[in-house]
Amino acid sequence: DTATTEIYTRARHDARPIYGPRAALGLAIVIAVVAIDQIAKLIAEAHLPLGAAIDVLPILTLYRVHNTGIAFSFLAGSGIGLVFLTLAITVVVVIFWLRSPDGGRLAAIGFALILGGALGNLVDRLRLGYVIDFLLLHFGDRTLFVFNLADAALSLGPALLLLVYLWPEKSGPEKPGPKPAA
């Protein structure tokens, strides 16, 4: 009947994609971040001697260290406590992702980057007892920090979430309704 067809058509038209943690986009990004991070760390571990410096750019040097702490070696030597802290933060991120107002694709990417970065470093902590950092950012002789690709994802993810949730009209999901004529 025509009423059923109209309801079905409207439901299909009004349906918006879901970008939660179980959606393909989120899962693909989490898996990609963990895989790329772990592969990069294995290459650094195999080919970059501990403490040796290889200049790549004027502000970036390959320099492998073993970080037993978190950002800027904070809480260094905390051992299993950092594993539990990372697990707790990971659970909180997933809960926020599940309950967050729809931020669309950019928010999903932001949450997935955070989760992938946390899991990438967690793999190191569980496997090695420390995190492999191998990218040294510096200005001349001034060292800013040594980090890895998981850390980069952990920095980019929150930046995307800030963009989405603080300035939603510029970055959020498209508003439903008619599109302007071209």
N, C-alpha and C. Protein backbone atom coordinates (compact mmCIF):
# COMPACT_ATOMS: atom_id res chain seq x y z
N ASP A 1 0.83 -1.19 0.00
CA ASP A 1 0.00 0.00 0.00
C ASP A 1 0.87 1.24 0.00
N THR A 2 0.32 2.35 -0.42
CA THR A 2 1.10 3.58 -0.61
C THR A 2 1.56 4.19 0.71
N ALA A 3 0.77 4.04 1.77
CA ALA A 3 1.17 4.60 3.08
C ALA A 3 2.43 3.91 3.59
N THR A 4 2.47 2.58 3.47
CA THR A 4 3.64 1.82 3.90
C THR A 4 4.86 2.20 3.07
N THR A 5 4.68 2.32 1.78
CA THR A 5 5.78 2.72 0.90
C THR A 5 6.30 4.10 1.26
N GLU A 6 5.39 5.03 1.56
CA GLU A 6 5.79 6.38 1.93
C GLU A 6 6.58 6.38 3.24
N ILE A 7 6.13 5.62 4.23
CA ILE A 7 6.84 5.52 5.52
C ILE A 7 8.22 4.92 5.31
N TYR A 8 8.28 3.86 4.51
CA TYR A 8 9.57 3.20 4.24
C TYR A 8 10.52 4.16 3.54
N THR A 9 10.03 4.86 2.55
CA THR A 9 10.85 5.81 1.80
C THR A 9 11.34 6.93 2.70
N ARG A 10 10.46 7.48 3.54
CA ARG A 10 10.85 8.55 4.46
C ARG A 10 11.88 8.04 5.46
N ALA A 11 11.70 6.84 5.99
CA ALA A 11 12.64 6.28 6.96
C ALA A 11 14.02 6.11 6.31
N ARG A 12 14.05 5.64 5.07
CA ARG A 12 15.33 5.49 4.37
C ARG A 12 15.98 6.85 4.12
N HIS A 13 15.19 7.84 3.77
CA HIS A 13 15.71 9.18 3.48
C HIS A 13 16.21 9.86 4.75
N ASP A 14 15.50 9.68 5.87
CA ASP A 14 15.86 10.32 7.13
C ASP A 14 16.97 9.59 7.87
N ALA A 15 17.22 8.36 7.51
CA ALA A 15 18.23 7.57 8.22
C ALA A 15 19.60 8.20 8.02
N ARG A 16 20.32 8.34 9.14
CA ARG A 16 21.68 8.87 9.10
C ARG A 16 22.64 7.75 9.44
N PRO A 17 23.83 7.78 8.86
CA PRO A 17 24.80 6.73 9.18
C PRO A 17 25.18 6.77 10.65
N ILE A 18 25.49 5.62 11.18
CA ILE A 18 25.89 5.50 12.58
C ILE A 18 27.42 5.42 12.62
N TYR A 19 28.02 6.20 13.51
CA TYR A 19 29.48 6.26 13.58
C TYR A 19 30.01 5.83 14.95
N GLY A 20 29.34 4.94 15.63
CA GLY A 20 29.77 4.50 16.95
C GLY A 20 30.94 3.54 16.89
N PRO A 21 31.39 3.05 18.06
CA PRO A 21 32.57 2.20 18.14
C PRO A 21 32.44 0.88 17.39
N ARG A 22 31.20 0.43 17.14
CA ARG A 22 31.02 -0.84 16.43
C ARG A 22 30.83 -0.65 14.94
N ALA A 23 30.80 0.60 14.49
CA ALA A 23 30.63 0.88 13.06
C ALA A 23 31.92 0.58 12.32
N ALA A 24 31.80 0.29 11.05
CA ALA A 24 32.95 -0.09 10.23
C ALA A 24 34.03 0.99 10.22
N LEU A 25 33.66 2.25 10.12
CA LEU A 25 34.64 3.33 10.08
C LEU A 25 35.48 3.34 11.35
N GLY A 26 34.83 3.32 12.50
CA GLY A 26 35.56 3.34 13.77
C GLY A 26 36.46 2.14 13.95
N LEU A 27 35.94 0.96 13.67
CA LEU A 27 36.74 -0.26 13.83
C LEU A 27 37.93 -0.25 12.88
N ALA A 28 37.71 0.17 11.64
CA ALA A 28 38.80 0.19 10.66
C ALA A 28 39.92 1.13 11.11
N ILE A 29 39.56 2.29 11.63
CA ILE A 29 40.58 3.25 12.07
C ILE A 29 41.33 2.73 13.29
N VAL A 30 40.61 2.17 14.26
CA VAL A 30 41.27 1.61 15.44
C VAL A 30 42.27 0.54 15.03
N ILE A 31 41.84 -0.39 14.18
CA ILE A 31 42.71 -1.48 13.74
C ILE A 31 43.90 -0.93 12.95
N ALA A 32 43.65 0.04 12.07
CA ALA A 32 44.74 0.62 11.27
C ALA A 32 45.76 1.33 12.15
N VAL A 33 45.30 2.09 13.13
CA VAL A 33 46.22 2.81 14.02
C VAL A 33 47.09 1.83 14.79
N VAL A 34 46.47 0.80 15.37
CA VAL A 34 47.24 -0.18 16.14
C VAL A 34 48.24 -0.90 15.23
N ALA A 35 47.79 -1.33 14.05
CA ALA A 35 48.67 -2.07 13.14
C ALA A 35 49.83 -1.22 12.66
N ILE A 36 49.56 -0.01 12.20
CA ILE A 36 50.63 0.87 11.69
C ILE A 36 51.59 1.23 12.81
N ASP A 37 51.06 1.52 14.00
CA ASP A 37 51.91 1.84 15.15
C ASP A 37 52.82 0.67 15.50
N GLN A 38 52.27 -0.53 15.58
CA GLN A 38 53.06 -1.69 15.96
C GLN A 38 54.10 -2.04 14.90
N ILE A 39 53.74 -1.92 13.63
CA ILE A 39 54.71 -2.19 12.56
C ILE A 39 55.85 -1.17 12.62
N ALA A 40 55.52 0.10 12.80
CA ALA A 40 56.55 1.14 12.89
C ALA A 40 57.48 0.89 14.08
N LYS A 41 56.91 0.47 15.20
CA LYS A 41 57.73 0.20 16.39
C LYS A 41 58.62 -1.02 16.17
N LEU A 42 58.11 -2.04 15.49
CA LEU A 42 58.94 -3.22 15.19
C LEU A 42 60.10 -2.84 14.28
N ILE A 43 59.84 -2.00 13.29
CA ILE A 43 60.91 -1.54 12.39
C ILE A 43 61.93 -0.71 13.17
N ALA A 44 61.45 0.20 14.02
CA ALA A 44 62.36 1.01 14.83
C ALA A 44 63.19 0.13 15.74
N GLU A 45 62.58 -0.85 16.36
CA GLU A 45 63.28 -1.75 17.28
C GLU A 45 64.34 -2.56 16.53
N ALA A 46 64.04 -2.97 15.29
CA ALA A 46 64.96 -3.80 14.53
C ALA A 46 66.10 -3.02 13.89
N HIS A 47 65.85 -1.77 13.50
CA HIS A 47 66.83 -1.05 12.68
C HIS A 47 67.39 0.23 13.30
N LEU A 48 66.89 0.64 14.43
CA LEU A 48 67.34 1.89 15.04
C LEU A 48 67.94 1.59 16.41
N PRO A 49 69.26 1.67 16.52
CA PRO A 49 69.88 1.37 17.81
C PRO A 49 69.35 2.31 18.92
N LEU A 50 69.21 1.77 20.10
CA LEU A 50 68.73 2.53 21.25
C LEU A 50 69.65 3.74 21.48
N GLY A 51 69.07 4.95 21.46
CA GLY A 51 69.82 6.15 21.72
C GLY A 51 70.56 6.74 20.53
N ALA A 52 70.53 6.07 19.37
CA ALA A 52 71.19 6.60 18.17
C ALA A 52 70.26 7.60 17.49
N ALA A 53 70.84 8.68 16.96
CA ALA A 53 70.04 9.74 16.33
C ALA A 53 70.26 9.73 14.82
N ILE A 54 69.15 9.78 14.08
CA ILE A 54 69.20 9.91 12.62
C ILE A 54 68.30 11.08 12.24
N ASP A 55 68.91 12.15 11.76
CA ASP A 55 68.13 13.33 11.37
C ASP A 55 67.30 13.02 10.13
N VAL A 56 66.01 13.40 10.18
CA VAL A 56 65.10 13.19 9.07
C VAL A 56 64.71 14.54 8.47
N LEU A 57 64.36 15.48 9.31
CA LEU A 57 64.00 16.85 8.95
C LEU A 57 64.69 17.79 9.94
N PRO A 58 64.74 19.07 9.64
CA PRO A 58 65.38 19.99 10.59
C PRO A 58 64.76 19.95 12.00
N ILE A 59 63.52 19.51 12.11
CA ILE A 59 62.86 19.48 13.43
C ILE A 59 62.52 18.06 13.88
N LEU A 60 62.86 17.04 13.09
CA LEU A 60 62.49 15.66 13.41
C LEU A 60 63.68 14.73 13.26
N THR A 61 63.93 13.95 14.31
CA THR A 61 65.03 12.99 14.33
C THR A 61 64.49 11.64 14.76
N LEU A 62 64.98 10.58 14.13
CA LEU A 62 64.67 9.24 14.61
C LEU A 62 65.59 8.98 15.79
N TYR A 63 65.00 8.63 16.93
CA TYR A 63 65.76 8.47 18.16
C TYR A 63 64.96 7.54 19.08
N ARG A 64 65.39 6.29 19.17
CA ARG A 64 64.60 5.30 19.91
C ARG A 64 64.93 5.33 21.40
N VAL A 65 63.87 5.38 22.19
CA VAL A 65 63.97 5.27 23.65
C VAL A 65 62.90 4.31 24.15
N HIS A 66 63.08 3.83 25.34
CA HIS A 66 62.08 2.99 26.00
C HIS A 66 61.46 3.81 27.13
N ASN A 67 60.19 4.11 26.98
CA ASN A 67 59.49 4.99 27.92
C ASN A 67 58.64 4.14 28.88
N THR A 68 59.03 4.14 30.14
CA THR A 68 58.25 3.39 31.14
C THR A 68 57.13 4.22 31.74
N GLY A 69 57.03 5.48 31.33
CA GLY A 69 55.98 6.36 31.82
C GLY A 69 54.94 6.64 30.76
N ILE A 70 54.25 7.76 30.92
CA ILE A 70 53.31 8.21 29.91
C ILE A 70 53.89 9.49 29.31
N ALA A 71 53.08 10.37 28.82
CA ALA A 71 53.57 11.58 28.15
C ALA A 71 54.66 12.27 28.96
N PHE A 72 55.75 12.62 28.27
CA PHE A 72 56.90 13.30 28.86
C PHE A 72 57.50 12.50 30.01
N SER A 73 57.38 11.17 29.94
CA SER A 73 57.89 10.23 30.95
C SER A 73 57.26 10.42 32.31
N PHE A 74 56.11 11.08 32.37
CA PHE A 74 55.37 11.23 33.61
C PHE A 74 54.98 9.85 34.11
N LEU A 75 55.06 9.62 35.39
CA LEU A 75 54.76 8.34 36.05
C LEU A 75 55.71 7.23 35.61
N ALA A 76 56.93 7.57 35.21
CA ALA A 76 57.91 6.57 34.78
C ALA A 76 58.13 5.55 35.88
N GLY A 77 58.21 4.30 35.48
CA GLY A 77 58.45 3.21 36.42
C GLY A 77 57.23 2.74 37.18
N SER A 78 56.04 3.18 36.78
CA SER A 78 54.82 2.80 37.50
C SER A 78 54.35 1.38 37.18
N GLY A 79 54.92 0.76 36.16
CA GLY A 79 54.65 -0.64 35.85
C GLY A 79 53.20 -0.96 35.58
N ILE A 80 52.71 -1.96 36.30
CA ILE A 80 51.36 -2.49 36.07
C ILE A 80 50.28 -1.44 36.32
N GLY A 81 50.59 -0.45 37.15
CA GLY A 81 49.62 0.62 37.40
C GLY A 81 49.27 1.37 36.13
N LEU A 82 50.25 1.56 35.25
CA LEU A 82 49.98 2.23 33.98
C LEU A 82 49.13 1.37 33.05
N VAL A 83 49.28 0.06 33.16
CA VAL A 83 48.43 -0.83 32.36
C VAL A 83 46.98 -0.65 32.79
N PHE A 84 46.73 -0.64 34.09
CA PHE A 84 45.36 -0.47 34.58
C PHE A 84 44.82 0.93 34.28
N LEU A 85 45.68 1.94 34.39
CA LEU A 85 45.27 3.30 34.05
C LEU A 85 44.88 3.38 32.57
N THR A 86 45.69 2.79 31.70
CA THR A 86 45.39 2.79 30.27
C THR A 86 44.09 2.04 29.99
N LEU A 87 43.89 0.91 30.64
CA LEU A 87 42.63 0.17 30.46
C LEU A 87 41.43 0.99 30.91
N ALA A 88 41.57 1.67 32.05
CA ALA A 88 40.47 2.49 32.55
C ALA A 88 40.15 3.63 31.60
N ILE A 89 41.18 4.30 31.10
CA ILE A 89 40.96 5.40 30.16
C ILE A 89 40.33 4.88 28.87
N THR A 90 40.75 3.71 28.42
CA THR A 90 40.18 3.11 27.22
C THR A 90 38.69 2.84 27.40
N VAL A 91 38.32 2.31 28.53
CA VAL A 91 36.90 2.04 28.81
C VAL A 91 36.11 3.35 28.84
N VAL A 92 36.67 4.37 29.47
CA VAL A 92 36.00 5.68 29.53
C VAL A 92 35.81 6.25 28.13
N VAL A 93 36.82 6.15 27.28
CA VAL A 93 36.71 6.66 25.91
C VAL A 93 35.59 5.93 25.16
N VAL A 94 35.52 4.62 25.30
CA VAL A 94 34.46 3.86 24.63
C VAL A 94 33.09 4.27 25.16
N ILE A 95 32.97 4.46 26.46
CA ILE A 95 31.68 4.90 27.03
C ILE A 95 31.30 6.27 26.50
N PHE A 96 32.25 7.21 26.48
CA PHE A 96 31.96 8.53 25.92
C PHE A 96 31.53 8.42 24.46
N TRP A 97 32.21 7.57 23.71
CA TRP A 97 31.90 7.40 22.30
C TRP A 97 30.48 6.86 22.13
N LEU A 98 30.11 5.89 22.96
CA LEU A 98 28.76 5.33 22.90
C LEU A 98 27.69 6.34 23.27
N ARG A 99 27.99 7.23 24.20
CA ARG A 99 26.99 8.17 24.72
C ARG A 99 27.08 9.57 24.15
N SER A 100 28.07 9.83 23.32
CA SER A 100 28.27 11.19 22.84
C SER A 100 27.18 11.58 21.85
N PRO A 101 26.84 12.88 21.86
CA PRO A 101 25.90 13.34 20.85
C PRO A 101 26.55 13.13 19.48
N ASP A 102 25.72 12.90 18.50
CA ASP A 102 26.23 12.58 17.18
C ASP A 102 27.12 13.69 16.66
N GLY A 103 28.38 13.38 16.48
CA GLY A 103 29.32 14.32 15.91
C GLY A 103 29.69 13.95 14.50
N GLY A 104 29.08 12.88 14.01
CA GLY A 104 29.32 12.46 12.64
C GLY A 104 30.66 11.78 12.45
N ARG A 105 31.09 11.81 11.21
CA ARG A 105 32.30 11.10 10.80
C ARG A 105 33.55 11.62 11.50
N LEU A 106 33.70 12.95 11.65
CA LEU A 106 34.89 13.49 12.29
C LEU A 106 35.00 13.07 13.75
N ALA A 107 33.89 13.05 14.46
CA ALA A 107 33.92 12.60 15.85
C ALA A 107 34.30 11.13 15.93
N ALA A 108 33.75 10.32 15.03
CA ALA A 108 34.09 8.90 15.01
C ALA A 108 35.59 8.71 14.76
N ILE A 109 36.13 9.50 13.84
CA ILE A 109 37.57 9.42 13.57
C ILE A 109 38.36 9.84 14.81
N GLY A 110 37.92 10.90 15.47
CA GLY A 110 38.59 11.37 16.69
C GLY A 110 38.60 10.32 17.78
N PHE A 111 37.43 9.75 18.07
CA PHE A 111 37.35 8.70 19.10
C PHE A 111 38.19 7.49 18.71
N ALA A 112 38.14 7.11 17.43
CA ALA A 112 38.89 5.94 16.97
C ALA A 112 40.40 6.17 17.07
N LEU A 113 40.86 7.38 16.77
CA LEU A 113 42.29 7.68 16.91
C LEU A 113 42.73 7.57 18.37
N ILE A 114 41.91 8.08 19.28
CA ILE A 114 42.24 7.99 20.71
C ILE A 114 42.30 6.52 21.13
N LEU A 115 41.29 5.76 20.76
CA LEU A 115 41.24 4.35 21.15
C LEU A 115 42.39 3.57 20.52
N GLY A 116 42.66 3.79 19.23
CA GLY A 116 43.76 3.09 18.57
C GLY A 116 45.10 3.44 19.17
N GLY A 117 45.31 4.72 19.48
CA GLY A 117 46.56 5.14 20.10
C GLY A 117 46.76 4.52 21.48
N ALA A 118 45.70 4.53 22.27
CA ALA A 118 45.78 3.94 23.61
C ALA A 118 46.08 2.44 23.52
N LEU A 119 45.41 1.76 22.61
CA LEU A 119 45.64 0.31 22.46
C LEU A 119 47.04 0.02 21.91
N GLY A 120 47.52 0.86 20.99
CA GLY A 120 48.87 0.66 20.46
C GLY A 120 49.92 0.73 21.55
N ASN A 121 49.81 1.71 22.44
CA ASN A 121 50.76 1.81 23.55
C ASN A 121 50.53 0.73 24.60
N LEU A 122 49.27 0.32 24.77
CA LEU A 122 48.97 -0.75 25.72
C LEU A 122 49.62 -2.07 25.28
N VAL A 123 49.61 -2.34 23.99
CA VAL A 123 50.28 -3.55 23.48
C VAL A 123 51.74 -3.54 23.90
N ASP A 124 52.42 -2.40 23.76
CA ASP A 124 53.82 -2.30 24.18
C ASP A 124 53.98 -2.57 25.66
N ARG A 125 53.14 -1.94 26.46
CA ARG A 125 53.25 -2.10 27.92
C ARG A 125 53.06 -3.57 28.33
N LEU A 126 52.09 -4.23 27.71
CA LEU A 126 51.83 -5.62 28.06
C LEU A 126 52.93 -6.54 27.53
N ARG A 127 53.43 -6.26 26.35
CA ARG A 127 54.42 -7.11 25.71
C ARG A 127 55.83 -6.87 26.23
N LEU A 128 56.18 -5.59 26.49
CA LEU A 128 57.56 -5.23 26.80
C LEU A 128 57.78 -4.62 28.18
N GLY A 129 56.71 -4.07 28.77
CA GLY A 129 56.87 -3.37 30.04
C GLY A 129 57.20 -1.90 29.87
N TYR A 130 57.30 -1.44 28.63
CA TYR A 130 57.58 -0.04 28.32
C TYR A 130 57.02 0.24 26.93
N VAL A 131 56.99 1.51 26.56
CA VAL A 131 56.52 1.93 25.24
C VAL A 131 57.73 2.35 24.42
N ILE A 132 57.76 1.91 23.17
CA ILE A 132 58.83 2.30 22.26
C ILE A 132 58.48 3.65 21.64
N ASP A 133 59.30 4.65 21.93
CA ASP A 133 59.18 5.96 21.29
C ASP A 133 60.37 6.11 20.36
N PHE A 134 60.17 6.72 19.19
CA PHE A 134 61.27 6.79 18.24
C PHE A 134 61.27 8.05 17.37
N LEU A 135 60.38 8.97 17.61
CA LEU A 135 60.33 10.22 16.86
C LEU A 135 60.64 11.37 17.81
N LEU A 136 61.75 12.04 17.57
CA LEU A 136 62.19 13.14 18.43
C LEU A 136 61.88 14.47 17.73
N LEU A 137 61.02 15.26 18.34
CA LEU A 137 60.68 16.57 17.81
C LEU A 137 61.54 17.60 18.55
N HIS A 138 62.20 18.47 17.78
CA HIS A 138 63.12 19.43 18.40
C HIS A 138 63.23 20.69 17.55
N PHE A 139 63.67 21.75 18.18
CA PHE A 139 64.04 22.99 17.49
C PHE A 139 65.49 23.25 17.83
N GLY A 140 66.37 22.98 16.86
CA GLY A 140 67.80 23.09 17.13
C GLY A 140 68.20 22.11 18.21
N ASP A 141 68.81 22.63 19.26
CA ASP A 141 69.24 21.78 20.38
C ASP A 141 68.16 21.62 21.45
N ARG A 142 67.03 22.29 21.27
CA ARG A 142 65.94 22.21 22.25
C ARG A 142 65.02 21.04 21.93
N THR A 143 65.04 20.04 22.78
CA THR A 143 64.19 18.86 22.61
C THR A 143 62.80 19.17 23.13
N LEU A 144 61.78 18.91 22.31
CA LEU A 144 60.41 19.07 22.77
C LEU A 144 59.92 17.77 23.40
N PHE A 145 59.93 16.69 22.63
CA PHE A 145 59.55 15.40 23.18
C PHE A 145 59.85 14.29 22.19
N VAL A 146 59.90 13.06 22.71
CA VAL A 146 60.05 11.87 21.90
C VAL A 146 58.72 11.15 21.96
N PHE A 147 58.24 10.70 20.81
CA PHE A 147 56.92 10.10 20.76
C PHE A 147 56.88 9.00 19.71
N ASN A 148 55.71 8.41 19.52
CA ASN A 148 55.52 7.37 18.51
C ASN A 148 54.21 7.66 17.76
N LEU A 149 53.84 6.79 16.84
CA LEU A 149 52.64 7.04 16.05
C LEU A 149 51.36 6.92 16.88
N ALA A 150 51.36 6.06 17.88
CA ALA A 150 50.19 5.97 18.77
C ALA A 150 50.00 7.29 19.51
N ASP A 151 51.09 7.90 19.95
CA ASP A 151 51.01 9.20 20.61
C ASP A 151 50.46 10.27 19.67
N ALA A 152 50.87 10.21 18.40
CA ALA A 152 50.36 11.17 17.41
C ALA A 152 48.85 11.01 17.26
N ALA A 153 48.37 9.76 17.22
CA ALA A 153 46.93 9.52 17.14
C ALA A 153 46.23 10.02 18.40
N LEU A 154 46.88 9.83 19.55
CA LEU A 154 46.32 10.29 20.83
C LEU A 154 46.27 11.81 20.92
N SER A 155 47.03 12.50 20.11
CA SER A 155 46.99 13.96 20.06
C SER A 155 46.01 14.47 19.01
N LEU A 156 45.98 13.83 17.87
CA LEU A 156 45.09 14.24 16.79
C LEU A 156 43.62 13.96 17.13
N GLY A 157 43.35 12.84 17.79
CA GLY A 157 41.97 12.47 18.15
C GLY A 157 41.25 13.53 18.97
N PRO A 158 41.82 13.96 20.10
CA PRO A 158 41.16 15.00 20.88
C PRO A 158 41.03 16.32 20.12
N ALA A 159 42.00 16.64 19.26
CA ALA A 159 41.90 17.86 18.47
C ALA A 159 40.67 17.80 17.56
N LEU A 160 40.43 16.65 16.94
CA LEU A 160 39.23 16.50 16.10
C LEU A 160 37.95 16.63 16.94
N LEU A 161 37.95 16.03 18.13
CA LEU A 161 36.76 16.12 18.98
C LEU A 161 36.49 17.55 19.41
N LEU A 162 37.54 18.30 19.71
CA LEU A 162 37.36 19.72 20.05
C LEU A 162 36.75 20.47 18.88
N LEU A 163 37.25 20.20 17.70
CA LEU A 163 36.72 20.84 16.50
C LEU A 163 35.24 20.53 16.31
N VAL A 164 34.88 19.27 16.46
CA VAL A 164 33.50 18.83 16.24
C VAL A 164 32.56 19.39 17.30
N TYR A 165 32.95 19.31 18.56
CA TYR A 165 32.00 19.65 19.63
C TYR A 165 32.06 21.12 20.06
N LEU A 166 33.15 21.82 19.81
CA LEU A 166 33.19 23.24 20.14
C LEU A 166 32.71 24.12 19.00
N TRP A 167 32.88 23.65 17.78
CA TRP A 167 32.43 24.40 16.60
C TRP A 167 31.61 23.49 15.69
N PRO A 168 30.47 23.01 16.17
CA PRO A 168 29.71 21.99 15.41
C PRO A 168 29.18 22.48 14.07
N GLU A 169 28.86 23.75 13.94
CA GLU A 169 28.29 24.21 12.67
C GLU A 169 29.30 24.16 11.53
N LYS A 170 30.58 24.16 11.84
CA LYS A 170 31.60 24.12 10.79
C LYS A 170 32.08 22.71 10.51
N SER A 171 31.96 21.80 11.49
CA SER A 171 32.58 20.50 11.32
C SER A 171 31.66 19.32 11.55
N GLY A 172 30.49 19.54 12.10
CA GLY A 172 29.62 18.44 12.47
C GLY A 172 28.91 17.82 11.29
N PRO A 173 27.98 16.91 11.60
CA PRO A 173 27.26 16.23 10.54
C PRO A 173 26.38 17.20 9.77
N GLU A 174 26.06 16.83 8.54
CA GLU A 174 25.19 17.67 7.74
C GLU A 174 23.82 17.77 8.38
N LYS A 175 23.24 18.93 8.26
CA LYS A 175 21.90 19.15 8.79
C LYS A 175 20.89 18.52 7.83
N PRO A 176 19.85 17.84 8.35
CA PRO A 176 18.85 17.27 7.47
C PRO A 176 18.05 18.40 6.80
N GLY A 177 17.55 18.12 5.67
CA GLY A 177 16.72 19.12 5.00
C GLY A 177 17.14 19.24 3.54
N PRO A 178 16.47 20.11 2.83
CA PRO A 178 16.76 20.24 1.40
C PRO A 178 18.14 20.83 1.19
N LYS A 179 18.78 20.37 0.14
CA LYS A 179 20.09 20.88 -0.25
C LYS A 179 19.89 22.07 -1.18
N PRO A 180 20.77 23.08 -1.09
CA PRO A 180 20.65 24.22 -2.00
C PRO A 180 20.88 23.78 -3.45
N ALA A 181 20.18 24.45 -4.35
CA ALA A 181 20.31 24.12 -5.77
C ALA A 181 21.69 24.56 -6.26
N ALA A 182 22.25 23.76 -7.16
CA ALA A 182 23.59 24.06 -7.67
C ALA A 182 23.58 25.12 -8.75
